[in-house]
Amino acid sequence: MSCAAAGGLTRMTSITAQTHATLDGVIDAPPADALLPYMSDAGRQGALDLALAADALLLPRETWQGLARAWRDQTGPMAERLNAMPKYVVSATLGSADEWDHTTIVGYDDIAGLREREQLLTYGCGRLARDLLADGLLDVLVLSITPVVAGAGRRLFDDPGHLVRLRLTDSTTFETGAVRLFLEPDHA
């Protein structure tokens, strides 16, 4: 993490990735019955707290487009936060960011500079999150695990090509059986 000046104070900036996975590590659009029965008010509040702690969202194009469709016309605390906050969409092909207010199109090479200035939150654990992890730019992985086995689908770390070490820094078990893990890359 790096330090950034904010109103004369020094604060830490970082990139946090939040994602959901089944017990067998499936992250690729798990069916609703793999997620919805395990959502709780405490889990939703935790997701809102992460969004409130972030200065901006950092999203790959497909995730940005899906979230824009899902949230831009919603109401409530989470929708209000996501709709109001700055969003950086990482894309080399997107021609316009008009689909969701407060969005700026950036390239992958811009991310390190953004990370120096802002607390960034990204959703999912696809190619962007894996690239951030490989390049030493991902600081925290918040992994919400539901106690179901999907059996098929894209996995959390499909063939990372090397050993990925993560250090557990915090965890929460919800009354539904879901678990939220806070993990930091262990570069040792």
N, C-alpha and C. Protein backbone atom coordinates (compact mmCIF):
# COMPACT_ATOMS: atom_id res chain seq x y z
N MET A 1 0.84 -1.18 0.00
CA MET A 1 0.00 0.00 0.00
C MET A 1 0.88 1.23 0.00
N SER A 2 0.36 2.29 -0.53
CA SER A 2 1.11 3.53 -0.57
C SER A 2 0.39 4.59 0.26
N CYS A 3 1.13 5.64 0.55
CA CYS A 3 0.55 6.75 1.32
C CYS A 3 0.18 7.87 0.37
N ALA A 4 -0.93 8.49 0.61
CA ALA A 4 -1.38 9.63 -0.18
C ALA A 4 -1.83 10.72 0.77
N ALA A 5 -1.53 11.97 0.41
CA ALA A 5 -1.94 13.08 1.26
C ALA A 5 -3.40 13.39 1.01
N ALA A 6 -4.13 13.57 2.07
CA ALA A 6 -5.55 13.93 1.97
C ALA A 6 -5.81 15.01 3.01
N GLY A 7 -5.91 16.25 2.54
CA GLY A 7 -6.20 17.35 3.45
C GLY A 7 -5.14 17.49 4.53
N GLY A 8 -3.87 17.26 4.17
CA GLY A 8 -2.79 17.38 5.14
C GLY A 8 -2.54 16.12 5.94
N LEU A 9 -3.43 15.16 5.85
CA LEU A 9 -3.26 13.91 6.56
C LEU A 9 -2.70 12.86 5.62
N THR A 10 -1.99 11.90 6.15
CA THR A 10 -1.49 10.80 5.34
C THR A 10 -2.42 9.62 5.52
N ARG A 11 -2.83 9.00 4.40
CA ARG A 11 -3.68 7.83 4.48
C ARG A 11 -3.15 6.78 3.53
N MET A 12 -3.53 5.55 3.77
CA MET A 12 -3.08 4.46 2.94
C MET A 12 -4.04 4.29 1.77
N THR A 13 -3.48 4.03 0.60
CA THR A 13 -4.30 3.73 -0.57
C THR A 13 -3.99 2.32 -1.00
N SER A 14 -4.96 1.69 -1.63
CA SER A 14 -4.78 0.30 -2.02
C SER A 14 -5.85 -0.09 -3.01
N ILE A 15 -5.75 -1.33 -3.49
CA ILE A 15 -6.79 -1.92 -4.31
C ILE A 15 -7.32 -3.15 -3.59
N THR A 16 -8.63 -3.19 -3.40
CA THR A 16 -9.31 -4.32 -2.78
C THR A 16 -10.20 -4.96 -3.83
N ALA A 17 -10.15 -6.28 -3.92
CA ALA A 17 -11.05 -7.03 -4.80
C ALA A 17 -12.02 -7.80 -3.93
N GLN A 18 -13.30 -7.70 -4.24
CA GLN A 18 -14.32 -8.46 -3.52
C GLN A 18 -14.97 -9.41 -4.51
N THR A 19 -15.10 -10.67 -4.10
CA THR A 19 -15.74 -11.65 -4.98
C THR A 19 -16.45 -12.70 -4.16
N HIS A 20 -17.35 -13.40 -4.82
CA HIS A 20 -18.07 -14.53 -4.23
C HIS A 20 -17.59 -15.81 -4.90
N ALA A 21 -17.54 -16.88 -4.13
CA ALA A 21 -17.15 -18.18 -4.67
C ALA A 21 -17.91 -19.27 -3.93
N THR A 22 -18.12 -20.37 -4.63
CA THR A 22 -18.67 -21.55 -3.97
C THR A 22 -17.53 -22.26 -3.25
N LEU A 23 -17.86 -23.24 -2.47
CA LEU A 23 -16.86 -23.98 -1.71
C LEU A 23 -15.79 -24.59 -2.61
N ASP A 24 -16.16 -24.99 -3.82
CA ASP A 24 -15.18 -25.55 -4.76
C ASP A 24 -14.55 -24.47 -5.64
N GLY A 25 -14.70 -23.21 -5.26
CA GLY A 25 -14.00 -22.12 -5.92
C GLY A 25 -14.60 -21.59 -7.19
N VAL A 26 -15.83 -21.95 -7.51
CA VAL A 26 -16.47 -21.45 -8.73
C VAL A 26 -16.90 -20.00 -8.52
N ILE A 27 -16.46 -19.14 -9.45
CA ILE A 27 -16.79 -17.71 -9.37
C ILE A 27 -17.58 -17.24 -10.56
N ASP A 28 -17.62 -18.02 -11.62
CA ASP A 28 -18.21 -17.59 -12.88
C ASP A 28 -19.72 -17.70 -12.83
N ALA A 29 -20.36 -16.61 -12.43
CA ALA A 29 -21.82 -16.53 -12.38
C ALA A 29 -22.45 -17.76 -11.75
N PRO A 30 -22.14 -18.01 -10.47
CA PRO A 30 -22.79 -19.15 -9.82
C PRO A 30 -24.30 -18.98 -9.85
N PRO A 31 -25.03 -20.08 -9.90
CA PRO A 31 -26.50 -19.96 -9.91
C PRO A 31 -27.01 -19.25 -8.66
N ALA A 32 -28.17 -18.62 -8.79
CA ALA A 32 -28.74 -17.86 -7.68
C ALA A 32 -28.86 -18.70 -6.42
N ASP A 33 -29.17 -20.01 -6.56
CA ASP A 33 -29.32 -20.82 -5.35
C ASP A 33 -27.97 -21.12 -4.69
N ALA A 34 -26.87 -20.73 -5.32
CA ALA A 34 -25.57 -20.86 -4.68
C ALA A 34 -25.21 -19.61 -3.89
N LEU A 35 -25.94 -18.50 -4.09
CA LEU A 35 -25.64 -17.26 -3.39
C LEU A 35 -26.78 -16.75 -2.53
N LEU A 36 -27.96 -16.61 -3.13
CA LEU A 36 -29.06 -15.93 -2.44
C LEU A 36 -29.43 -16.52 -1.08
N PRO A 37 -29.53 -17.85 -0.93
CA PRO A 37 -29.90 -18.37 0.40
C PRO A 37 -28.86 -18.07 1.49
N TYR A 38 -27.65 -17.68 1.08
CA TYR A 38 -26.58 -17.47 2.05
C TYR A 38 -26.30 -16.00 2.30
N MET A 39 -27.07 -15.13 1.66
CA MET A 39 -26.90 -13.71 1.91
C MET A 39 -27.59 -13.35 3.22
N SER A 40 -26.99 -12.45 3.93
CA SER A 40 -27.56 -12.01 5.21
C SER A 40 -27.47 -10.50 5.30
N ASP A 41 -28.21 -9.93 6.23
CA ASP A 41 -28.12 -8.49 6.44
C ASP A 41 -26.70 -8.08 6.81
N ALA A 42 -26.05 -8.88 7.63
CA ALA A 42 -24.66 -8.57 8.03
C ALA A 42 -23.73 -8.65 6.82
N GLY A 43 -23.95 -9.60 5.94
CA GLY A 43 -23.13 -9.71 4.74
C GLY A 43 -23.34 -8.54 3.80
N ARG A 44 -24.61 -8.12 3.64
CA ARG A 44 -24.90 -6.96 2.80
C ARG A 44 -24.29 -5.69 3.41
N GLN A 45 -24.34 -5.58 4.72
CA GLN A 45 -23.74 -4.41 5.37
C GLN A 45 -22.22 -4.42 5.17
N GLY A 46 -21.61 -5.59 5.24
CA GLY A 46 -20.18 -5.69 4.99
C GLY A 46 -19.81 -5.24 3.59
N ALA A 47 -20.62 -5.61 2.60
CA ALA A 47 -20.38 -5.18 1.22
C ALA A 47 -20.54 -3.66 1.10
N LEU A 48 -21.55 -3.12 1.76
CA LEU A 48 -21.74 -1.67 1.75
C LEU A 48 -20.57 -0.97 2.43
N ASP A 49 -20.10 -1.51 3.54
CA ASP A 49 -18.97 -0.91 4.25
C ASP A 49 -17.73 -0.84 3.35
N LEU A 50 -17.49 -1.90 2.57
CA LEU A 50 -16.36 -1.88 1.63
C LEU A 50 -16.53 -0.78 0.59
N ALA A 51 -17.75 -0.64 0.07
CA ALA A 51 -18.01 0.40 -0.93
C ALA A 51 -17.85 1.79 -0.32
N LEU A 52 -18.31 1.97 0.91
CA LEU A 52 -18.18 3.27 1.58
C LEU A 52 -16.73 3.62 1.87
N ALA A 53 -15.89 2.62 2.12
CA ALA A 53 -14.48 2.86 2.43
C ALA A 53 -13.67 3.18 1.18
N ALA A 54 -14.18 2.86 0.01
CA ALA A 54 -13.46 3.09 -1.23
C ALA A 54 -13.72 4.50 -1.76
N ASP A 55 -12.71 5.03 -2.44
CA ASP A 55 -12.87 6.31 -3.12
C ASP A 55 -13.52 6.13 -4.49
N ALA A 56 -13.24 4.98 -5.12
CA ALA A 56 -13.72 4.75 -6.49
C ALA A 56 -13.75 3.26 -6.78
N LEU A 57 -14.55 2.91 -7.80
CA LEU A 57 -14.57 1.54 -8.31
C LEU A 57 -13.59 1.43 -9.47
N LEU A 58 -12.93 0.29 -9.57
CA LEU A 58 -12.04 -0.05 -10.68
C LEU A 58 -12.58 -1.34 -11.26
N LEU A 59 -13.10 -1.28 -12.50
CA LEU A 59 -13.82 -2.43 -13.03
C LEU A 59 -13.40 -2.75 -14.45
N PRO A 60 -13.32 -4.05 -14.77
CA PRO A 60 -13.14 -4.42 -16.17
C PRO A 60 -14.43 -4.13 -16.93
N ARG A 61 -14.33 -4.00 -18.24
CA ARG A 61 -15.46 -3.58 -19.07
C ARG A 61 -16.72 -4.43 -18.85
N GLU A 62 -16.62 -5.74 -18.93
CA GLU A 62 -17.81 -6.58 -18.82
C GLU A 62 -18.47 -6.47 -17.44
N THR A 63 -17.67 -6.41 -16.40
CA THR A 63 -18.22 -6.25 -15.05
C THR A 63 -18.89 -4.88 -14.93
N TRP A 64 -18.24 -3.84 -15.44
CA TRP A 64 -18.79 -2.49 -15.41
C TRP A 64 -20.14 -2.46 -16.11
N GLN A 65 -20.23 -3.08 -17.30
CA GLN A 65 -21.49 -3.08 -18.05
C GLN A 65 -22.58 -3.82 -17.28
N GLY A 66 -22.25 -4.97 -16.68
CA GLY A 66 -23.23 -5.73 -15.92
C GLY A 66 -23.70 -4.99 -14.68
N LEU A 67 -22.76 -4.36 -13.97
CA LEU A 67 -23.14 -3.60 -12.78
C LEU A 67 -23.94 -2.37 -13.15
N ALA A 68 -23.60 -1.72 -14.25
CA ALA A 68 -24.37 -0.55 -14.69
C ALA A 68 -25.83 -0.94 -14.92
N ARG A 69 -26.05 -2.05 -15.61
CA ARG A 69 -27.43 -2.50 -15.86
C ARG A 69 -28.14 -2.84 -14.55
N ALA A 70 -27.42 -3.45 -13.63
CA ALA A 70 -28.03 -3.91 -12.38
C ALA A 70 -28.31 -2.78 -11.39
N TRP A 71 -27.45 -1.76 -11.33
CA TRP A 71 -27.52 -0.79 -10.25
C TRP A 71 -28.00 0.60 -10.63
N ARG A 72 -27.84 1.03 -11.87
CA ARG A 72 -28.08 2.45 -12.18
C ARG A 72 -29.51 2.90 -11.93
N ASP A 73 -30.48 2.01 -11.98
CA ASP A 73 -31.87 2.40 -11.73
C ASP A 73 -32.39 1.91 -10.38
N GLN A 74 -31.51 1.40 -9.54
CA GLN A 74 -31.90 0.90 -8.22
C GLN A 74 -31.88 2.02 -7.19
N THR A 75 -32.49 1.76 -6.04
CA THR A 75 -32.44 2.68 -4.92
C THR A 75 -31.95 1.92 -3.70
N GLY A 76 -31.70 2.64 -2.64
CA GLY A 76 -31.21 2.04 -1.41
C GLY A 76 -29.75 2.40 -1.20
N PRO A 77 -29.23 2.13 -0.02
CA PRO A 77 -27.88 2.57 0.33
C PRO A 77 -26.78 2.05 -0.62
N MET A 78 -26.81 0.77 -0.99
CA MET A 78 -25.76 0.25 -1.86
C MET A 78 -25.87 0.86 -3.26
N ALA A 79 -27.06 0.93 -3.80
CA ALA A 79 -27.25 1.53 -5.12
C ALA A 79 -26.84 3.00 -5.12
N GLU A 80 -27.22 3.72 -4.08
CA GLU A 80 -26.86 5.13 -4.01
C GLU A 80 -25.35 5.31 -3.97
N ARG A 81 -24.66 4.44 -3.22
CA ARG A 81 -23.20 4.54 -3.14
C ARG A 81 -22.56 4.21 -4.48
N LEU A 82 -22.94 3.09 -5.08
CA LEU A 82 -22.32 2.68 -6.34
C LEU A 82 -22.61 3.68 -7.45
N ASN A 83 -23.82 4.21 -7.50
CA ASN A 83 -24.17 5.15 -8.55
C ASN A 83 -23.47 6.50 -8.40
N ALA A 84 -23.20 6.91 -7.18
CA ALA A 84 -22.61 8.22 -6.93
C ALA A 84 -21.08 8.23 -7.01
N MET A 85 -20.46 7.09 -6.75
CA MET A 85 -19.00 7.11 -6.66
C MET A 85 -18.33 7.12 -8.03
N PRO A 86 -17.12 7.66 -8.10
CA PRO A 86 -16.36 7.61 -9.35
C PRO A 86 -16.08 6.16 -9.72
N LYS A 87 -16.08 5.91 -11.05
CA LYS A 87 -15.82 4.57 -11.55
C LYS A 87 -14.78 4.66 -12.65
N TYR A 88 -13.80 3.78 -12.59
CA TYR A 88 -12.80 3.66 -13.65
C TYR A 88 -13.04 2.32 -14.32
N VAL A 89 -13.33 2.35 -15.61
CA VAL A 89 -13.53 1.12 -16.35
C VAL A 89 -12.28 0.88 -17.19
N VAL A 90 -11.68 -0.29 -17.00
CA VAL A 90 -10.45 -0.65 -17.70
C VAL A 90 -10.84 -1.31 -19.02
N SER A 91 -10.55 -0.61 -20.11
CA SER A 91 -10.94 -1.13 -21.41
C SER A 91 -10.10 -0.50 -22.51
N ALA A 92 -9.76 -1.32 -23.49
CA ALA A 92 -9.10 -0.83 -24.70
C ALA A 92 -10.09 -0.74 -25.85
N THR A 93 -11.33 -1.19 -25.63
CA THR A 93 -12.30 -1.25 -26.72
C THR A 93 -13.55 -0.41 -26.49
N LEU A 94 -13.83 -0.01 -25.26
CA LEU A 94 -15.05 0.74 -24.96
C LEU A 94 -14.94 2.14 -25.54
N GLY A 95 -15.93 2.53 -26.33
CA GLY A 95 -15.90 3.83 -26.99
C GLY A 95 -16.48 4.96 -26.15
N SER A 96 -17.38 4.62 -25.22
CA SER A 96 -18.06 5.64 -24.43
C SER A 96 -18.37 5.06 -23.05
N ALA A 97 -18.37 5.94 -22.06
CA ALA A 97 -18.70 5.53 -20.69
C ALA A 97 -20.02 6.16 -20.25
N ASP A 98 -20.85 6.53 -21.19
CA ASP A 98 -22.12 7.20 -20.89
C ASP A 98 -23.15 6.29 -20.23
N GLU A 99 -22.92 5.01 -20.27
CA GLU A 99 -23.89 4.03 -19.75
C GLU A 99 -24.08 4.15 -18.24
N TRP A 100 -23.06 4.65 -17.51
CA TRP A 100 -23.16 4.77 -16.05
C TRP A 100 -22.46 6.04 -15.64
N ASP A 101 -23.16 6.91 -14.90
CA ASP A 101 -22.62 8.19 -14.47
C ASP A 101 -21.32 8.03 -13.70
N HIS A 102 -20.50 9.08 -13.79
CA HIS A 102 -19.26 9.20 -13.02
C HIS A 102 -18.22 8.16 -13.43
N THR A 103 -18.20 7.79 -14.72
CA THR A 103 -17.28 6.78 -15.20
C THR A 103 -16.24 7.40 -16.13
N THR A 104 -15.00 6.95 -15.95
CA THR A 104 -13.88 7.33 -16.80
C THR A 104 -13.26 6.06 -17.36
N ILE A 105 -12.98 6.04 -18.64
CA ILE A 105 -12.30 4.90 -19.26
C ILE A 105 -10.80 5.06 -19.06
N VAL A 106 -10.16 4.00 -18.58
CA VAL A 106 -8.71 4.00 -18.36
C VAL A 106 -8.09 2.75 -18.98
N GLY A 107 -6.80 2.80 -19.16
CA GLY A 107 -6.04 1.63 -19.60
C GLY A 107 -5.40 0.95 -18.40
N TYR A 108 -4.98 -0.28 -18.59
CA TYR A 108 -4.34 -1.01 -17.49
C TYR A 108 -3.12 -0.26 -16.97
N ASP A 109 -2.39 0.39 -17.84
CA ASP A 109 -1.18 1.12 -17.44
C ASP A 109 -1.48 2.31 -16.53
N ASP A 110 -2.73 2.75 -16.47
CA ASP A 110 -3.12 3.87 -15.61
C ASP A 110 -3.36 3.45 -14.16
N ILE A 111 -3.49 2.16 -13.93
CA ILE A 111 -3.93 1.68 -12.61
C ILE A 111 -2.95 1.99 -11.50
N ALA A 112 -1.67 1.81 -11.73
CA ALA A 112 -0.68 2.08 -10.67
C ALA A 112 -0.79 3.53 -10.20
N GLY A 113 -0.97 4.47 -11.12
CA GLY A 113 -1.11 5.88 -10.75
C GLY A 113 -2.39 6.13 -9.97
N LEU A 114 -3.49 5.50 -10.39
CA LEU A 114 -4.74 5.63 -9.65
C LEU A 114 -4.59 5.10 -8.23
N ARG A 115 -3.90 3.96 -8.11
CA ARG A 115 -3.69 3.33 -6.80
C ARG A 115 -2.88 4.23 -5.88
N GLU A 116 -2.03 5.05 -6.44
CA GLU A 116 -1.24 5.98 -5.63
C GLU A 116 -2.09 7.09 -5.03
N ARG A 117 -3.23 7.36 -5.66
CA ARG A 117 -4.06 8.49 -5.24
C ARG A 117 -5.36 8.11 -4.55
N GLU A 118 -5.87 6.90 -4.85
CA GLU A 118 -7.21 6.57 -4.39
C GLU A 118 -7.30 5.16 -3.82
N GLN A 119 -8.25 5.00 -2.92
CA GLN A 119 -8.63 3.70 -2.38
C GLN A 119 -9.59 3.09 -3.39
N LEU A 120 -9.18 2.01 -4.08
CA LEU A 120 -9.97 1.44 -5.16
C LEU A 120 -10.58 0.11 -4.76
N LEU A 121 -11.79 -0.13 -5.24
CA LEU A 121 -12.50 -1.38 -5.00
C LEU A 121 -12.87 -1.96 -6.35
N THR A 122 -12.60 -3.25 -6.54
CA THR A 122 -13.00 -3.95 -7.74
C THR A 122 -13.83 -5.16 -7.35
N TYR A 123 -14.70 -5.56 -8.24
CA TYR A 123 -15.56 -6.70 -7.97
C TYR A 123 -15.21 -7.84 -8.92
N GLY A 124 -15.28 -9.05 -8.40
CA GLY A 124 -14.98 -10.23 -9.19
C GLY A 124 -13.52 -10.61 -9.09
N CYS A 125 -13.21 -11.74 -9.65
CA CYS A 125 -11.81 -12.19 -9.61
C CYS A 125 -11.46 -12.80 -10.96
N GLY A 126 -11.76 -12.04 -12.00
CA GLY A 126 -11.42 -12.45 -13.35
C GLY A 126 -10.03 -12.00 -13.71
N ARG A 127 -9.83 -11.76 -15.00
CA ARG A 127 -8.50 -11.44 -15.49
C ARG A 127 -7.92 -10.18 -14.85
N LEU A 128 -8.74 -9.13 -14.67
CA LEU A 128 -8.21 -7.91 -14.08
C LEU A 128 -7.66 -8.17 -12.68
N ALA A 129 -8.42 -8.80 -11.82
CA ALA A 129 -7.96 -9.08 -10.46
C ALA A 129 -6.72 -9.98 -10.47
N ARG A 130 -6.72 -10.97 -11.34
CA ARG A 130 -5.55 -11.87 -11.42
C ARG A 130 -4.31 -11.12 -11.92
N ASP A 131 -4.49 -10.22 -12.88
CA ASP A 131 -3.36 -9.41 -13.36
C ASP A 131 -2.86 -8.48 -12.26
N LEU A 132 -3.79 -7.86 -11.52
CA LEU A 132 -3.40 -6.99 -10.41
C LEU A 132 -2.60 -7.76 -9.38
N LEU A 133 -3.04 -8.97 -9.07
CA LEU A 133 -2.33 -9.81 -8.11
C LEU A 133 -0.94 -10.17 -8.63
N ALA A 134 -0.86 -10.58 -9.87
CA ALA A 134 0.43 -10.97 -10.47
C ALA A 134 1.40 -9.80 -10.53
N ASP A 135 0.87 -8.59 -10.74
CA ASP A 135 1.73 -7.40 -10.86
C ASP A 135 1.98 -6.70 -9.53
N GLY A 136 1.52 -7.29 -8.42
CA GLY A 136 1.76 -6.71 -7.11
C GLY A 136 0.92 -5.48 -6.82
N LEU A 137 -0.19 -5.30 -7.54
CA LEU A 137 -1.05 -4.13 -7.32
C LEU A 137 -2.28 -4.43 -6.47
N LEU A 138 -2.62 -5.69 -6.29
CA LEU A 138 -3.77 -6.07 -5.46
C LEU A 138 -3.33 -6.19 -4.02
N ASP A 139 -3.99 -5.45 -3.14
CA ASP A 139 -3.59 -5.41 -1.74
C ASP A 139 -4.45 -6.30 -0.86
N VAL A 140 -5.74 -6.41 -1.16
CA VAL A 140 -6.65 -7.18 -0.32
C VAL A 140 -7.63 -7.93 -1.22
N LEU A 141 -7.86 -9.19 -0.90
CA LEU A 141 -8.90 -9.99 -1.55
C LEU A 141 -9.93 -10.32 -0.49
N VAL A 142 -11.17 -9.85 -0.71
CA VAL A 142 -12.27 -10.16 0.20
C VAL A 142 -13.07 -11.25 -0.50
N LEU A 143 -13.01 -12.44 0.06
CA LEU A 143 -13.60 -13.61 -0.56
C LEU A 143 -14.78 -14.10 0.27
N SER A 144 -15.97 -14.02 -0.30
CA SER A 144 -17.18 -14.52 0.36
C SER A 144 -17.46 -15.91 -0.19
N ILE A 145 -17.42 -16.90 0.68
CA ILE A 145 -17.58 -18.29 0.28
C ILE A 145 -18.91 -18.82 0.79
N THR A 146 -19.68 -19.41 -0.12
CA THR A 146 -20.94 -20.04 0.27
C THR A 146 -20.72 -21.55 0.35
N PRO A 147 -21.36 -22.21 1.30
CA PRO A 147 -21.12 -23.64 1.53
C PRO A 147 -21.89 -24.54 0.56
N VAL A 148 -21.65 -24.35 -0.73
CA VAL A 148 -22.23 -25.20 -1.76
C VAL A 148 -21.12 -25.57 -2.74
N VAL A 149 -21.29 -26.70 -3.41
CA VAL A 149 -20.36 -27.15 -4.44
C VAL A 149 -21.06 -27.01 -5.79
N ALA A 150 -20.53 -26.15 -6.65
CA ALA A 150 -21.15 -25.93 -7.96
C ALA A 150 -20.80 -27.04 -8.95
N GLY A 151 -19.61 -27.59 -8.82
CA GLY A 151 -19.20 -28.70 -9.67
C GLY A 151 -18.60 -28.30 -10.99
N ALA A 152 -18.98 -27.19 -11.55
CA ALA A 152 -18.44 -26.76 -12.84
C ALA A 152 -18.49 -25.25 -12.92
N GLY A 153 -17.61 -24.70 -13.72
CA GLY A 153 -17.54 -23.26 -13.91
C GLY A 153 -16.12 -22.77 -13.74
N ARG A 154 -15.91 -21.52 -14.10
CA ARG A 154 -14.57 -20.93 -13.96
C ARG A 154 -14.24 -20.80 -12.48
N ARG A 155 -13.06 -21.20 -12.15
CA ARG A 155 -12.63 -21.23 -10.76
C ARG A 155 -11.90 -19.94 -10.38
N LEU A 156 -11.78 -19.72 -9.10
CA LEU A 156 -11.16 -18.53 -8.55
C LEU A 156 -9.78 -18.29 -9.14
N PHE A 157 -8.94 -19.27 -9.14
CA PHE A 157 -7.59 -19.13 -9.69
C PHE A 157 -7.32 -20.27 -10.66
N ASP A 158 -7.99 -20.25 -11.81
CA ASP A 158 -7.72 -21.26 -12.84
C ASP A 158 -6.26 -21.13 -13.28
N ASP A 159 -5.48 -22.15 -13.00
CA ASP A 159 -4.09 -22.24 -13.45
C ASP A 159 -3.32 -20.92 -13.36
N PRO A 160 -2.99 -20.49 -12.14
CA PRO A 160 -2.26 -19.24 -12.01
C PRO A 160 -0.82 -19.32 -12.53
N GLY A 161 -0.34 -20.53 -12.80
CA GLY A 161 1.00 -20.68 -13.34
C GLY A 161 2.09 -20.70 -12.29
N HIS A 162 1.75 -20.39 -11.07
CA HIS A 162 2.72 -20.41 -9.98
C HIS A 162 1.97 -20.46 -8.65
N LEU A 163 2.71 -20.71 -7.59
CA LEU A 163 2.11 -20.75 -6.27
C LEU A 163 1.70 -19.34 -5.84
N VAL A 164 0.46 -19.18 -5.45
CA VAL A 164 -0.06 -17.89 -4.97
C VAL A 164 -0.24 -18.02 -3.47
N ARG A 165 0.50 -17.22 -2.74
CA ARG A 165 0.40 -17.25 -1.28
C ARG A 165 -0.45 -16.06 -0.81
N LEU A 166 -1.42 -16.37 0.03
CA LEU A 166 -2.27 -15.35 0.61
C LEU A 166 -2.27 -15.52 2.12
N ARG A 167 -2.30 -14.41 2.83
CA ARG A 167 -2.30 -14.44 4.29
C ARG A 167 -3.66 -13.98 4.78
N LEU A 168 -4.30 -14.81 5.62
CA LEU A 168 -5.59 -14.48 6.20
C LEU A 168 -5.39 -13.39 7.26
N THR A 169 -6.11 -12.27 7.10
CA THR A 169 -5.98 -11.18 8.07
C THR A 169 -7.23 -11.01 8.92
N ASP A 170 -8.37 -11.53 8.42
CA ASP A 170 -9.61 -11.44 9.18
C ASP A 170 -10.62 -12.39 8.55
N SER A 171 -11.62 -12.76 9.32
CA SER A 171 -12.69 -13.61 8.78
C SER A 171 -13.96 -13.38 9.58
N THR A 172 -15.07 -13.64 8.91
CA THR A 172 -16.39 -13.54 9.53
C THR A 172 -17.21 -14.73 9.08
N THR A 173 -17.86 -15.39 10.03
CA THR A 173 -18.80 -16.45 9.69
C THR A 173 -20.20 -15.92 9.93
N PHE A 174 -21.05 -16.03 8.91
CA PHE A 174 -22.41 -15.53 9.01
C PHE A 174 -23.35 -16.65 9.44
N GLU A 175 -24.50 -16.26 9.99
CA GLU A 175 -25.46 -17.24 10.49
C GLU A 175 -25.99 -18.14 9.37
N THR A 176 -25.83 -17.74 8.12
CA THR A 176 -26.30 -18.53 6.99
C THR A 176 -25.33 -19.65 6.61
N GLY A 177 -24.12 -19.62 7.19
CA GLY A 177 -23.09 -20.59 6.84
C GLY A 177 -22.05 -20.04 5.88
N ALA A 178 -22.31 -18.85 5.31
CA ALA A 178 -21.32 -18.21 4.44
C ALA A 178 -20.17 -17.69 5.30
N VAL A 179 -19.01 -17.58 4.67
CA VAL A 179 -17.80 -17.11 5.35
C VAL A 179 -17.18 -16.00 4.50
N ARG A 180 -16.76 -14.92 5.13
CA ARG A 180 -16.03 -13.86 4.42
C ARG A 180 -14.61 -13.86 4.95
N LEU A 181 -13.68 -14.00 4.01
CA LEU A 181 -12.25 -14.01 4.32
C LEU A 181 -11.60 -12.74 3.80
N PHE A 182 -10.76 -12.14 4.61
CA PHE A 182 -9.93 -11.02 4.18
C PHE A 182 -8.53 -11.56 4.03
N LEU A 183 -8.00 -11.50 2.81
CA LEU A 183 -6.70 -12.09 2.49
C LEU A 183 -5.80 -11.03 1.87
N GLU A 184 -4.53 -11.09 2.22
CA GLU A 184 -3.54 -10.20 1.60
C GLU A 184 -2.49 -11.05 0.92
N PRO A 185 -2.01 -10.61 -0.23
CA PRO A 185 -0.93 -11.35 -0.88
C PRO A 185 0.29 -11.43 0.02
N ASP A 186 0.88 -12.59 0.08
CA ASP A 186 2.08 -12.82 0.88
C ASP A 186 3.23 -12.98 -0.09
N HIS A 187 3.99 -11.91 -0.26
CA HIS A 187 5.06 -11.90 -1.26
C HIS A 187 6.35 -12.50 -0.74
N ALA A 188 6.31 -13.10 0.43
CA ALA A 188 7.53 -13.68 1.02
C ALA A 188 7.98 -14.91 0.26
